[in-house]
Amino acid sequence: LGQLKLNQDVVRIELNGIGDKIYRTKYDYSLLEEKL
């Protein structure tokens, strides 16, 4: 979890960690998104 300046009650799910290479999550976040 991290804090970011977002609008009221907005949650942002991040898919990629970016550095010298892009690492993409392998987690299926769809159920979490639905619950939120």
All heavy atoms as atom14 arrays in JSON, in Angstrom:
{
  "sequence": "LGQLKLNQDVVRIELNGIGDKIYRTKYDYSLLEEKL",
  "atom14_mask": [
    [1, 1, 1, 1, 1, 1, 1, 1, 0, 0, 0, 0, 0, 0],
    [1, 1, 1, 1, 0, 0, 0, 0, 0, 0, 0, 0, 0, 0],
    [1, 1, 1, 1, 1, 1, 1, 1, 1, 0, 0, 0, 0, 0],
    [1, 1, 1, 1, 1, 1, 1, 1, 0, 0, 0, 0, 0, 0],
    [1, 1, 1, 1, 1, 1, 1, 1, 1, 0, 0, 0, 0, 0],
    [1, 1, 1, 1, 1, 1, 1, 1, 0, 0, 0, 0, 0, 0],
    [1, 1, 1, 1, 1, 1, 1, 1, 0, 0, 0, 0, 0, 0],
    [1, 1, 1, 1, 1, 1, 1, 1, 1, 0, 0, 0, 0, 0],
    [1, 1, 1, 1, 1, 1, 1, 1, 0, 0, 0, 0, 0, 0],
    [1, 1, 1, 1, 1, 1, 1, 0, 0, 0, 0, 0, 0, 0],
    [1, 1, 1, 1, 1, 1, 1, 0, 0, 0, 0, 0, 0, 0],
    [1, 1, 1, 1, 1, 1, 1, 1, 1, 1, 1, 0, 0, 0],
    [1, 1, 1, 1, 1, 1, 1, 1, 0, 0, 0, 0, 0, 0],
    [1, 1, 1, 1, 1, 1, 1, 1, 1, 0, 0, 0, 0, 0],
    [1, 1, 1, 1, 1, 1, 1, 1, 0, 0, 0, 0, 0, 0],
    [1, 1, 1, 1, 1, 1, 1, 1, 0, 0, 0, 0, 0, 0],
    [1, 1, 1, 1, 0, 0, 0, 0, 0, 0, 0, 0, 0, 0],
    [1, 1, 1, 1, 1, 1, 1, 1, 0, 0, 0, 0, 0, 0],
    [1, 1, 1, 1, 0, 0, 0, 0, 0, 0, 0, 0, 0, 0],
    [1, 1, 1, 1, 1, 1, 1, 1, 0, 0, 0, 0, 0, 0],
    [1, 1, 1, 1, 1, 1, 1, 1, 1, 0, 0, 0, 0, 0],
    [1, 1, 1, 1, 1, 1, 1, 1, 0, 0, 0, 0, 0, 0],
    [1, 1, 1, 1, 1, 1, 1, 1, 1, 1, 1, 1, 0, 0],
    [1, 1, 1, 1, 1, 1, 1, 1, 1, 1, 1, 0, 0, 0],
    [1, 1, 1, 1, 1, 1, 1, 0, 0, 0, 0, 0, 0, 0],
    [1, 1, 1, 1, 1, 1, 1, 1, 1, 0, 0, 0, 0, 0],
    [1, 1, 1, 1, 1, 1, 1, 1, 1, 1, 1, 1, 0, 0],
    [1, 1, 1, 1, 1, 1, 1, 1, 0, 0, 0, 0, 0, 0],
    [1, 1, 1, 1, 1, 1, 1, 1, 1, 1, 1, 1, 0, 0],
    [1, 1, 1, 1, 1, 1, 0, 0, 0, 0, 0, 0, 0, 0],
    [1, 1, 1, 1, 1, 1, 1, 1, 0, 0, 0, 0, 0, 0],
    [1, 1, 1, 1, 1, 1, 1, 1, 0, 0, 0, 0, 0, 0],
    [1, 1, 1, 1, 1, 1, 1, 1, 1, 0, 0, 0, 0, 0],
    [1, 1, 1, 1, 1, 1, 1, 1, 1, 0, 0, 0, 0, 0],
    [1, 1, 1, 1, 1, 1, 1, 1, 1, 0, 0, 0, 0, 0],
    [1, 1, 1, 1, 1, 1, 1, 1, 0, 0, 0, 0, 0, 0]
  ],
  "atom14_positions": [
    [[0.84, -1.19, 0.0], [0.0, 0.0, 0.0], [0.87, 1.24, 0.0], [1.91, 1.28, 0.66], [-0.9, 0.01, 1.24], [-1.78, -1.21, 1.45], [-2.35, -1.22, 2.86], [-2.88, -1.25, 0.41], [0.0, 0.0, 0.0], [0.0, 0.0, 0.0], [0.0, 0.0, 0.0], [0.0, 0.0, 0.0], [0.0, 0.0, 0.0], [0.0, 0.0, 0.0]],
    [[0.42, 2.24, -0.72], [1.13, 3.51, -0.74], [0.12, 4.65, -0.85], [-1.01, 4.46, -1.29], [0.0, 0.0, 0.0], [0.0, 0.0, 0.0], [0.0, 0.0, 0.0], [0.0, 0.0, 0.0], [0.0, 0.0, 0.0], [0.0, 0.0, 0.0], [0.0, 0.0, 0.0], [0.0, 0.0, 0.0], [0.0, 0.0, 0.0], [0.0, 0.0, 0.0]],
    [[0.56, 5.82, -0.45], [-0.29, 7.01, -0.48], [-0.01, 7.8, -1.76], [1.13, 7.93, -2.17], [0.03, 7.88, 0.74], [-0.7, 9.21, 0.76], [-0.35, 10.0, 1.99], [-0.92, 9.77, 3.04], [0.6, 10.93, 1.86], [0.0, 0.0, 0.0], [0.0, 0.0, 0.0], [0.0, 0.0, 0.0], [0.0, 0.0, 0.0], [0.0, 0.0, 0.0]],
    [[-1.07, 8.3, -2.36], [-0.95, 9.11, -3.56], [-2.06, 10.15, -3.54], [-3.15, 9.88, -3.04], [-1.09, 8.21, -4.81], [-0.85, 8.86, -6.17], [0.61, 9.29, -6.31], [-1.21, 7.88, -7.28], [0.0, 0.0, 0.0], [0.0, 0.0, 0.0], [0.0, 0.0, 0.0], [0.0, 0.0, 0.0], [0.0, 0.0, 0.0], [0.0, 0.0, 0.0]],
    [[-1.78, 11.31, -4.09], [-2.82, 12.33, -4.17], [-3.86, 11.86, -5.2], [-3.6, 11.86, -6.4], [-2.23, 13.68, -4.56], [-3.25, 14.79, -4.52], [-2.63, 16.13, -4.85], [-3.71, 17.19, -4.79], [-3.19, 18.5, -5.15], [0.0, 0.0, 0.0], [0.0, 0.0, 0.0], [0.0, 0.0, 0.0], [0.0, 0.0, 0.0], [0.0, 0.0, 0.0]],
    [[-4.98, 11.41, -4.69], [-6.07, 10.91, -5.52], [-7.36, 11.6, -5.09], [-7.44, 12.14, -3.99], [-6.23, 9.39, -5.35], [-5.08, 8.51, -5.85], [-5.2, 7.1, -5.29], [-5.04, 8.48, -7.36], [0.0, 0.0, 0.0], [0.0, 0.0, 0.0], [0.0, 0.0, 0.0], [0.0, 0.0, 0.0], [0.0, 0.0, 0.0], [0.0, 0.0, 0.0]],
    [[-8.35, 11.53, -5.93], [-9.66, 12.08, -5.57], [-10.3, 11.27, -4.44], [-9.86, 10.16, -4.14], [-10.58, 12.1, -6.79], [-10.15, 13.14, -7.81], [-9.53, 14.15, -7.47], [-10.44, 12.88, -9.07], [0.0, 0.0, 0.0], [0.0, 0.0, 0.0], [0.0, 0.0, 0.0], [0.0, 0.0, 0.0], [0.0, 0.0, 0.0], [0.0, 0.0, 0.0]],
    [[-11.36, 11.82, -3.89], [-12.09, 11.2, -2.78], [-12.46, 9.75, -3.11], [-13.07, 9.48, -4.14], [-13.36, 12.0, -2.49], [-14.09, 11.6, -1.23], [-13.4, 12.12, 0.02], [-12.73, 13.13, 0.01], [-13.56, 11.4, 1.12], [0.0, 0.0, 0.0], [0.0, 0.0, 0.0], [0.0, 0.0, 0.0], [0.0, 0.0, 0.0], [0.0, 0.0, 0.0]],
    [[-12.04, 8.84, -2.24], [-12.4, 7.42, -2.31], [-11.99, 6.72, -3.61], [-12.63, 5.78, -4.05], [-13.89, 7.23, -2.04], [-14.27, 7.62, -0.63], [-13.43, 7.46, 0.28], [-15.4, 8.11, -0.43], [0.0, 0.0, 0.0], [0.0, 0.0, 0.0], [0.0, 0.0, 0.0], [0.0, 0.0, 0.0], [0.0, 0.0, 0.0], [0.0, 0.0, 0.0]],
    [[-10.9, 7.19, -4.2], [-10.35, 6.54, -5.39], [-9.17, 5.67, -4.95], [-8.33, 6.09, -4.15], [-9.88, 7.57, -6.44], [-9.12, 6.89, -7.57], [-11.08, 8.34, -6.99], [0.0, 0.0, 0.0], [0.0, 0.0, 0.0], [0.0, 0.0, 0.0], [0.0, 0.0, 0.0], [0.0, 0.0, 0.0], [0.0, 0.0, 0.0], [0.0, 0.0, 0.0]],
    [[-9.13, 4.45, -5.46], [-8.04, 3.52, -5.19], [-7.42, 3.18, -6.54], [-8.13, 2.92, -7.51], [-8.58, 2.24, -4.5], [-7.5, 1.2, -4.35], [-9.2, 2.58, -3.15], [0.0, 0.0, 0.0], [0.0, 0.0, 0.0], [0.0, 0.0, 0.0], [0.0, 0.0, 0.0], [0.0, 0.0, 0.0], [0.0, 0.0, 0.0], [0.0, 0.0, 0.0]],
    [[-6.09, 3.18, -6.6], [-5.41, 2.91, -7.87], [-4.6, 1.63, -7.74], [-3.69, 1.54, -6.91], [-4.52, 4.09, -8.25], [-4.06, 4.02, -9.69], [-3.46, 5.32, -10.14], [-2.01, 5.27, -9.99], [-1.2, 6.24, -10.38], [-1.69, 7.35, -10.89], [0.1, 6.11, -10.24], [0.0, 0.0, 0.0], [0.0, 0.0, 0.0], [0.0, 0.0, 0.0]],
    [[-4.94, 0.66, -8.54], [-4.21, -0.62, -8.58], [-3.11, -0.5, -9.63], [-3.39, -0.19, -10.79], [-5.16, -1.79, -8.91], [-6.21, -1.94, -7.8], [-4.37, -3.09, -9.1], [-7.29, -2.97, -8.09], [0.0, 0.0, 0.0], [0.0, 0.0, 0.0], [0.0, 0.0, 0.0], [0.0, 0.0, 0.0], [0.0, 0.0, 0.0], [0.0, 0.0, 0.0]],
    [[-1.89, -0.74, -9.2], [-0.73, -0.62, -10.08], [-0.39, -1.99, -10.66], [-0.36, -2.98, -9.92], [0.47, -0.07, -9.31], [0.22, 1.23, -8.59], [-0.02, 2.42, -9.5], [0.24, 2.33, -10.72], [-0.48, 3.46, -8.98], [0.0, 0.0, 0.0], [0.0, 0.0, 0.0], [0.0, 0.0, 0.0], [0.0, 0.0, 0.0], [0.0, 0.0, 0.0]],
    [[-0.12, -2.03, -11.95], [0.18, -3.3, -12.6], [1.68, -3.55, -12.77], [2.11, -4.7, -12.8], [-0.5, -3.37, -13.96], [-2.03, -3.25, -13.95], [-2.57, -3.42, -15.36], [-2.65, -4.25, -13.0], [0.0, 0.0, 0.0], [0.0, 0.0, 0.0], [0.0, 0.0, 0.0], [0.0, 0.0, 0.0], [0.0, 0.0, 0.0], [0.0, 0.0, 0.0]],
    [[2.47, -2.49, -12.89], [3.88, -2.63, -13.23], [4.81, -1.97, -12.23], [4.53, -0.87, -11.75], [4.16, -2.01, -14.6], [3.37, -2.65, -15.71], [3.23, -3.87, -15.75], [2.84, -1.84, -16.61], [0.0, 0.0, 0.0], [0.0, 0.0, 0.0], [0.0, 0.0, 0.0], [0.0, 0.0, 0.0], [0.0, 0.0, 0.0], [0.0, 0.0, 0.0]],
    [[5.92, -2.63, -11.98], [7.06, -2.03, -11.3], [8.09, -1.76, -12.39], [8.44, -2.66, -13.15], [0.0, 0.0, 0.0], [0.0, 0.0, 0.0], [0.0, 0.0, 0.0], [0.0, 0.0, 0.0], [0.0, 0.0, 0.0], [0.0, 0.0, 0.0], [0.0, 0.0, 0.0], [0.0, 0.0, 0.0], [0.0, 0.0, 0.0], [0.0, 0.0, 0.0]],
    [[8.55, -0.53, -12.48], [9.37, -0.13, -13.62], [10.77, 0.28, -13.17], [10.95, 1.09, -12.27], [8.69, 1.04, -14.37], [7.31, 0.59, -14.85], [9.55, 1.5, -15.54], [6.43, 1.7, -15.35], [0.0, 0.0, 0.0], [0.0, 0.0, 0.0], [0.0, 0.0, 0.0], [0.0, 0.0, 0.0], [0.0, 0.0, 0.0], [0.0, 0.0, 0.0]],
    [[11.76, -0.31, -13.82], [13.16, 0.02, -13.58], [13.91, -0.22, -14.88], [13.44, 0.15, -15.95], [0.0, 0.0, 0.0], [0.0, 0.0, 0.0], [0.0, 0.0, 0.0], [0.0, 0.0, 0.0], [0.0, 0.0, 0.0], [0.0, 0.0, 0.0], [0.0, 0.0, 0.0], [0.0, 0.0, 0.0], [0.0, 0.0, 0.0], [0.0, 0.0, 0.0]],
    [[15.05, -0.93, -14.81], [15.77, -1.26, -16.04], [15.0, -2.3, -16.86], [15.32, -2.57, -18.01], [17.19, -1.73, -15.74], [17.24, -2.96, -14.86], [16.22, -3.31, -14.25], [18.32, -3.58, -14.76], [0.0, 0.0, 0.0], [0.0, 0.0, 0.0], [0.0, 0.0, 0.0], [0.0, 0.0, 0.0], [0.0, 0.0, 0.0], [0.0, 0.0, 0.0]],
    [[13.98, -2.83, -16.25], [13.08, -3.79, -16.87], [11.7, -3.52, -16.28], [11.57, -2.94, -15.21], [13.55, -5.21, -16.5], [12.71, -6.33, -17.02], [13.3, -7.68, -16.6], [12.37, -8.79, -17.03], [12.87, -10.11, -16.65], [0.0, 0.0, 0.0], [0.0, 0.0, 0.0], [0.0, 0.0, 0.0], [0.0, 0.0, 0.0], [0.0, 0.0, 0.0]],
    [[10.65, -3.91, -16.97], [9.3, -3.77, -16.43], [8.86, -5.12, -15.89], [8.86, -6.13, -16.62], [8.29, -3.28, -17.5], [8.67, -1.87, -17.96], [6.87, -3.29, -16.95], [7.84, -1.35, -19.11], [0.0, 0.0, 0.0], [0.0, 0.0, 0.0], [0.0, 0.0, 0.0], [0.0, 0.0, 0.0], [0.0, 0.0, 0.0], [0.0, 0.0, 0.0]],
    [[8.51, -5.15, -14.61], [7.95, -6.34, -14.0], [6.46, -6.12, -13.83], [6.04, -5.11, -13.26], [8.6, -6.62, -12.63], [10.03, -7.09, -12.76], [11.07, -6.19, -12.64], [10.32, -8.43, -12.99], [12.39, -6.62, -12.76], [11.63, -8.86, -13.11], [12.66, -7.95, -12.99], [13.96, -8.38, -13.12], [0.0, 0.0, 0.0], [0.0, 0.0, 0.0]],
    [[5.68, -7.05, -14.32], [4.22, -6.94, -14.26], [3.69, -7.93, -13.22], [4.15, -9.06, -13.15], [3.61, -7.23, -15.62], [2.12, -6.95, -15.69], [1.65, -6.99, -17.15], [0.25, -6.71, -17.27], [-0.27, -5.5, -17.43], [0.52, -4.45, -17.49], [-1.57, -5.33, -17.56], [0.0, 0.0, 0.0], [0.0, 0.0, 0.0], [0.0, 0.0, 0.0]],
    [[2.71, -7.48, -12.46], [2.12, -8.37, -11.47], [1.52, -9.6, -12.14], [0.99, -9.51, -13.25], [1.05, -7.64, -10.63], [0.59, -8.53, -9.61], [-0.14, -7.2, -11.47], [0.0, 0.0, 0.0], [0.0, 0.0, 0.0], [0.0, 0.0, 0.0], [0.0, 0.0, 0.0], [0.0, 0.0, 0.0], [0.0, 0.0, 0.0], [0.0, 0.0, 0.0]],
    [[1.59, -10.71, -11.46], [0.94, -11.94, -11.93], [-0.32, -12.2, -11.12], [-0.97, -13.23, -11.29], [1.92, -13.11, -11.83], [3.07, -12.96, -12.82], [4.01, -14.15, -12.77], [4.98, -14.09, -13.91], [6.25, -13.56, -13.62], [0.0, 0.0, 0.0], [0.0, 0.0, 0.0], [0.0, 0.0, 0.0], [0.0, 0.0, 0.0], [0.0, 0.0, 0.0]],
    [[-0.64, -11.26, -10.24], [-1.81, -11.4, -9.39], [-3.07, -11.0, -10.15], [-3.13, -9.94, -10.77], [-1.65, -10.52, -8.14], [-2.85, -10.57, -7.23], [-3.18, -11.74, -6.55], [-3.66, -9.46, -7.07], [-4.28, -11.79, -5.72], [-4.77, -9.5, -6.22], [-5.07, -10.67, -5.56], [-6.16, -10.73, -4.75], [0.0, 0.0, 0.0], [0.0, 0.0, 0.0]],
    [[-4.09, -11.86, -10.11], [-5.39, -11.55, -10.72], [-6.16, -10.66, -9.75], [-6.76, -11.15, -8.8], [-6.16, -12.83, -11.02], [-7.53, -12.56, -11.63], [-7.86, -11.39, -11.91], [-8.28, -13.54, -11.81], [0.0, 0.0, 0.0], [0.0, 0.0, 0.0], [0.0, 0.0, 0.0], [0.0, 0.0, 0.0], [0.0, 0.0, 0.0], [0.0, 0.0, 0.0]],
    [[-6.13, -9.39, -10.0], [-6.7, -8.39, -9.09], [-8.2, -8.17, -9.31], [-8.8, -7.36, -8.62], [-5.96, -7.06, -9.26], [-6.01, -6.55, -10.67], [-7.09, -5.78, -11.12], [-5.01, -6.87, -11.58], [-7.14, -5.35, -12.43], [-5.08, -6.44, -12.89], [-6.14, -5.67, -13.31], [-6.21, -5.25, -14.6], [0.0, 0.0, 0.0], [0.0, 0.0, 0.0]],
    [[-8.82, -8.88, -10.22], [-10.22, -8.61, -10.59], [-11.19, -8.77, -9.42], [-12.11, -7.95, -9.26], [-10.66, -9.47, -11.77], [-10.53, -10.85, -11.45], [0.0, 0.0, 0.0], [0.0, 0.0, 0.0], [0.0, 0.0, 0.0], [0.0, 0.0, 0.0], [0.0, 0.0, 0.0], [0.0, 0.0, 0.0], [0.0, 0.0, 0.0], [0.0, 0.0, 0.0]],
    [[-11.0, -9.77, -8.58], [-11.89, -9.95, -7.43], [-11.7, -8.82, -6.41], [-12.66, -8.3, -5.85], [-11.67, -11.31, -6.76], [-12.6, -11.64, -5.61], [-14.07, -11.61, -6.04], [-12.27, -13.01, -5.03], [0.0, 0.0, 0.0], [0.0, 0.0, 0.0], [0.0, 0.0, 0.0], [0.0, 0.0, 0.0], [0.0, 0.0, 0.0], [0.0, 0.0, 0.0]],
    [[-10.45, -8.42, -6.19], [-10.17, -7.3, -5.3], [-10.81, -6.02, -5.84], [-11.44, -5.27, -5.1], [-8.67, -7.11, -5.12], [-8.24, -5.92, -4.28], [-8.83, -5.98, -2.87], [-6.72, -5.84, -4.22], [0.0, 0.0, 0.0], [0.0, 0.0, 0.0], [0.0, 0.0, 0.0], [0.0, 0.0, 0.0], [0.0, 0.0, 0.0], [0.0, 0.0, 0.0]],
    [[-10.67, -5.81, -7.13], [-11.29, -4.64, -7.76], [-12.81, -4.65, -7.55], [-13.41, -3.64, -7.17], [-10.96, -4.63, -9.26], [-11.58, -3.48, -10.02], [-11.29, -3.55, -11.5], [-10.86, -4.6, -12.02], [-11.51, -2.52, -12.16], [0.0, 0.0, 0.0], [0.0, 0.0, 0.0], [0.0, 0.0, 0.0], [0.0, 0.0, 0.0], [0.0, 0.0, 0.0]],
    [[-13.4, -5.8, -7.73], [-14.85, -5.96, -7.54], [-15.26, -5.63, -6.1], [-16.26, -4.94, -5.87], [-15.25, -7.39, -7.9], [-16.71, -7.7, -7.75], [-16.98, -9.17, -8.05], [-16.59, -9.64, -9.14], [-17.58, -9.83, -7.18], [0.0, 0.0, 0.0], [0.0, 0.0, 0.0], [0.0, 0.0, 0.0], [0.0, 0.0, 0.0], [0.0, 0.0, 0.0]],
    [[-14.5, -6.13, -5.13], [-14.82, -5.88, -3.72], [-14.68, -4.4, -3.38], [-15.48, -3.85, -2.62], [-13.91, -6.71, -2.8], [-14.09, -8.21, -2.95], [-15.44, -8.65, -2.48], [-15.55, -10.16, -2.56], [-16.88, -10.64, -2.27], [0.0, 0.0, 0.0], [0.0, 0.0, 0.0], [0.0, 0.0, 0.0], [0.0, 0.0, 0.0], [0.0, 0.0, 0.0]],
    [[-13.66, -3.75, -3.91], [-13.48, -2.32, -3.66], [-14.64, -1.51, -4.25], [-15.18, -0.63, -3.59], [-12.15, -1.84, -4.25], [-10.89, -2.28, -3.5], [-9.65, -2.12, -4.37], [-10.75, -1.5, -2.2], [0.0, 0.0, 0.0], [0.0, 0.0, 0.0], [0.0, 0.0, 0.0], [0.0, 0.0, 0.0], [0.0, 0.0, 0.0], [0.0, 0.0, 0.0]]
  ]
}
